[in-house]
Amino acid sequence: DSAGTMSAMATGIKTDVGLISVNQNVVRGDCSTQAGNSAMTFLERAETRGLATGVVTTARLTHATPAANYAHAMDRDFEDDRDSEGLANPGDCPDIARQLIEFTNNLPGTDGLEVALGGGRRSFLPRIDGIDPETQGPGERLDGRNLTEEWLSNYPNSNYVWNRDQFLDIDPASTQHLLGLFEPSHMQYSLDRELDSAGEPTLSEM
């Protein structure tokens, strides 16, 4: 299981299948067991030391492997609040996409990830027809929040991009926080990338 495996790599602590950067005392899908059982990640340790941090992936940013660097979740499938319907007790635990945007709430005094690039746009957009800029379909969020807009309002000198042209136009010298969400789900395989009319950057470019 990539959730438990990446959690062990990111925190140095073994945990159970399906859990993200929490210890083995957490019961999968039960929010009431999560409090006090988070395991600090290496990315979080870097943030507390004032270092620049980032997550770059061709999977969804909210998928288990990238998420284990910045989030703490009682279920790897809790990527957005709509996923709470499949959990035994979602409680008040924040979903994984929210945790990326609200990173500084968990670690006061830090300034959040400087770079977050990958797929998974659907978990950051509300479930409103036409909201996705590429597919014109809905997002997945039931709380009505547009987390891409919140990223821009949370961080000074920040940018949000969803296609390759926008990405290439970014000036690193004037951008302190960059969020890139290039697909509703995972990014394209390299072989299929040229079929994506909106275009998306390669892993090397990111």
Protein backbone atom coordinates (compact mmCIF):
# COMPACT_ATOMS: atom_id res chain seq x y z
CA ASP A 1 0.00 0.00 0.00
CA SER A 2 1.52 3.31 -1.07
CA ALA A 3 -0.14 5.27 1.76
CA GLY A 4 1.50 3.32 4.57
CA THR A 5 4.74 2.92 2.63
CA MET A 6 5.17 6.60 1.77
CA SER A 7 4.13 7.57 5.30
CA ALA A 8 6.97 5.45 6.66
CA MET A 9 9.38 7.07 4.21
CA ALA A 10 8.16 10.60 5.00
CA THR A 11 7.98 10.28 8.79
CA GLY A 12 10.30 7.41 9.77
CA ILE A 13 7.37 5.72 11.54
CA LYS A 14 5.60 2.59 10.32
CA THR A 15 1.82 2.69 10.15
CA ASP A 16 -1.14 0.68 8.86
CA VAL A 17 -2.53 0.23 5.36
CA GLY A 18 -4.50 3.19 4.03
CA LEU A 19 -3.27 5.74 6.59
CA ILE A 20 -1.38 8.90 5.70
CA SER A 21 1.33 10.21 8.05
CA VAL A 22 -0.41 9.13 11.23
CA ASN A 23 0.64 6.33 13.56
CA GLN A 24 -0.82 2.84 13.92
CA ASN A 25 -3.27 3.95 16.67
CA VAL A 26 -5.54 5.48 14.03
CA VAL A 27 -8.46 3.39 12.78
CA ARG A 28 -8.92 3.74 9.03
CA GLY A 29 -11.89 5.94 8.19
CA ASP A 30 -12.53 7.04 11.80
CA CYS A 31 -11.82 10.71 12.42
CA SER A 32 -12.27 10.33 16.19
CA THR A 33 -9.06 8.28 16.38
CA GLN A 34 -6.85 10.77 14.56
CA ALA A 35 -6.33 13.53 17.15
CA GLY A 36 -2.89 13.39 18.72
CA ASN A 37 -1.68 10.64 16.41
CA SER A 38 -0.11 12.61 13.56
CA ALA A 39 3.51 11.86 12.65
CA MET A 40 5.61 14.83 11.58
CA THR A 41 6.96 14.58 8.04
CA PHE A 42 10.37 15.53 6.73
CA LEU A 43 8.72 18.25 4.62
CA GLU A 44 7.12 19.70 7.76
CA ARG A 45 10.46 19.58 9.57
CA ALA A 46 12.01 21.49 6.67
CA GLU A 47 9.23 24.08 6.87
CA THR A 48 9.82 24.63 10.60
CA ARG A 49 13.46 25.37 9.76
CA GLY A 50 12.47 28.02 7.24
CA LEU A 51 13.42 26.02 4.15
CA ALA A 52 11.56 26.15 0.85
CA THR A 53 9.50 23.00 0.22
CA GLY A 54 7.52 21.49 -2.58
CA VAL A 55 5.76 18.43 -3.98
CA VAL A 56 6.00 17.60 -7.68
CA THR A 57 4.15 14.60 -9.11
CA THR A 58 2.37 13.33 -12.21
CA ALA A 59 -0.28 11.73 -10.02
CA ARG A 60 -3.02 13.67 -8.23
CA LEU A 61 -1.48 15.92 -5.59
CA THR A 62 -4.01 14.42 -3.19
CA HIS A 63 -3.01 10.84 -4.02
CA ALA A 64 -1.39 8.86 -1.22
CA THR A 65 2.28 9.15 -2.18
CA PRO A 66 2.49 12.94 -2.65
CA ALA A 67 -0.06 13.61 0.13
CA ALA A 68 2.01 11.79 2.75
CA ASN A 69 4.51 14.65 2.60
CA TYR A 70 2.12 17.39 3.71
CA ALA A 71 -1.13 15.82 5.02
CA HIS A 72 -2.30 13.64 7.91
CA ALA A 73 -5.34 11.53 7.12
CA MET A 74 -7.19 8.57 8.60
CA ASP A 75 -7.95 7.36 5.06
CA ARG A 76 -6.00 7.72 1.83
CA ASP A 77 -9.29 8.00 -0.07
CA PHE A 78 -10.32 11.21 1.76
CA GLU A 79 -9.04 13.41 -1.06
CA ASP A 80 -11.92 15.91 -0.88
CA ASP A 81 -15.04 16.36 1.25
CA ARG A 82 -17.23 14.42 -1.19
CA ASP A 83 -15.21 11.32 -0.27
CA SER A 84 -16.52 11.54 3.30
CA GLU A 85 -19.60 9.65 2.10
CA GLY A 86 -17.51 6.48 1.96
CA LEU A 87 -15.91 6.82 5.41
CA ALA A 88 -17.13 5.23 8.62
CA ASN A 89 -16.76 8.45 10.64
CA PRO A 90 -15.42 11.48 8.72
CA GLY A 91 -16.13 13.75 11.69
CA ASP A 92 -14.53 17.19 11.46
CA CYS A 93 -11.26 15.98 9.97
CA PRO A 94 -10.12 18.09 7.00
CA ASP A 95 -9.80 16.35 3.65
CA ILE A 96 -6.40 16.07 1.97
CA ALA A 97 -6.90 18.90 -0.56
CA ARG A 98 -7.89 21.26 2.26
CA GLN A 99 -4.76 20.32 4.18
CA LEU A 100 -2.56 21.43 1.30
CA ILE A 101 -4.26 24.84 1.20
CA GLU A 102 -4.48 25.13 5.00
CA PHE A 103 -0.95 23.87 5.67
CA THR A 104 -0.02 26.79 7.91
CA ASN A 105 -2.99 26.03 10.20
CA ASN A 106 -1.24 22.80 11.23
CA LEU A 107 2.18 24.42 11.49
CA PRO A 108 1.83 28.01 12.70
CA GLY A 109 4.84 30.15 11.95
CA THR A 110 5.57 28.40 8.65
CA ASP A 111 4.79 29.81 5.22
CA GLY A 112 3.47 26.69 3.45
CA LEU A 113 4.70 24.84 0.39
CA GLU A 114 6.41 27.01 -2.19
CA VAL A 115 5.68 24.56 -5.02
CA ALA A 116 2.79 22.12 -5.49
CA LEU A 117 2.52 20.68 -9.01
CA GLY A 118 0.59 17.70 -10.32
CA GLY A 119 -2.89 16.51 -11.17
CA GLY A 120 -6.04 16.29 -9.08
CA ARG A 121 -7.77 19.57 -9.92
CA ARG A 122 -11.22 18.11 -9.21
CA SER A 123 -10.61 17.93 -5.44
CA PHE A 124 -9.86 21.66 -5.31
CA LEU A 125 -12.94 22.86 -7.21
CA PRO A 126 -16.62 23.02 -6.14
CA ARG A 127 -19.17 20.66 -7.65
CA ILE A 128 -20.53 23.23 -10.09
CA ASP A 129 -21.03 22.51 -13.79
CA GLY A 130 -18.54 24.35 -15.97
CA ILE A 131 -16.08 25.13 -13.16
CA ASP A 132 -13.21 23.09 -14.61
CA PRO A 133 -11.34 25.32 -17.08
CA GLU A 134 -10.28 22.40 -19.28
CA THR A 135 -13.20 19.96 -19.30
CA GLN A 136 -15.98 22.44 -18.43
CA GLY A 137 -17.22 19.82 -15.98
CA PRO A 138 -17.78 20.06 -12.22
CA GLY A 139 -15.26 19.70 -9.45
CA GLU A 140 -15.81 17.35 -6.53
CA ARG A 141 -16.11 19.65 -3.51
CA LEU A 142 -19.50 19.76 -1.79
CA ASP A 143 -18.57 22.59 0.59
CA GLY A 144 -18.64 25.12 -2.26
CA ARG A 145 -15.03 26.14 -1.71
CA ASN A 146 -12.70 26.91 -4.59
CA LEU A 147 -9.34 26.02 -3.10
CA THR A 148 -7.40 27.38 -6.08
CA GLU A 149 -8.76 30.84 -5.28
CA GLU A 150 -7.94 30.34 -1.60
CA TRP A 151 -4.33 29.50 -2.52
CA LEU A 152 -4.06 32.87 -4.27
CA SER A 153 -5.64 34.75 -1.37
CA ASN A 154 -3.59 32.92 1.28
CA TYR A 155 -0.17 33.65 -0.15
CA PRO A 156 1.39 36.91 -1.40
CA ASN A 157 3.13 36.75 -4.78
CA SER A 158 1.41 33.46 -5.57
CA ASN A 159 0.20 31.91 -8.81
CA TYR A 160 -2.13 29.14 -9.91
CA VAL A 161 -1.76 27.49 -13.34
CA TRP A 162 -3.59 24.64 -15.06
CA ASN A 163 -1.91 24.31 -18.47
CA ARG A 164 1.59 24.27 -19.93
CA ASP A 165 1.52 27.76 -21.46
CA GLN A 166 0.59 29.32 -18.13
CA PHE A 167 3.28 27.26 -16.44
CA LEU A 168 5.98 28.39 -18.86
CA ASP A 169 4.93 32.03 -18.37
CA ILE A 170 5.64 31.89 -14.63
CA ASP A 171 8.49 34.12 -13.48
CA PRO A 172 10.23 32.26 -10.63
CA ALA A 173 11.86 35.49 -9.46
CA SER A 174 8.49 37.06 -8.63
CA THR A 175 6.54 33.93 -7.63
CA GLN A 176 6.86 32.77 -4.04
CA HIS A 177 4.08 30.14 -4.07
CA LEU A 178 3.07 28.16 -7.17
CA LEU A 179 0.14 25.76 -7.44
CA GLY A 180 -0.23 23.83 -10.70
CA LEU A 181 -3.12 21.42 -11.28
CA PHE A 182 -2.89 20.12 -14.83
CA GLU A 183 -5.64 17.46 -14.92
CA PRO A 184 -8.87 16.71 -13.02
CA SER A 185 -7.29 13.39 -12.02
CA HIS A 186 -3.79 12.06 -12.76
CA MET A 187 -1.68 13.77 -15.40
CA GLN A 188 -1.29 12.16 -18.82
CA TYR A 189 1.18 9.37 -19.48
CA SER A 190 4.14 10.64 -21.52
CA LEU A 191 2.92 8.73 -24.58
CA ASP A 192 -0.50 10.44 -24.39
CA ARG A 193 0.62 13.96 -23.45
CA GLU A 194 0.55 15.27 -27.04
CA LEU A 195 -3.17 14.39 -27.19
CA ASP A 196 -3.95 16.84 -24.38
CA SER A 197 -5.22 19.97 -26.13
CA ALA A 198 -4.65 22.16 -23.06
CA GLY A 199 -1.08 20.93 -22.74
CA GLU A 200 0.75 19.99 -19.58
CA PRO A 201 4.40 20.20 -18.57
CA THR A 202 6.68 17.21 -18.34
CA LEU A 203 7.99 15.98 -15.01
CA SER A 204 11.42 17.36 -15.93
CA GLU A 205 9.96 20.78 -16.66
CA MET A 206 8.10 20.86 -13.36
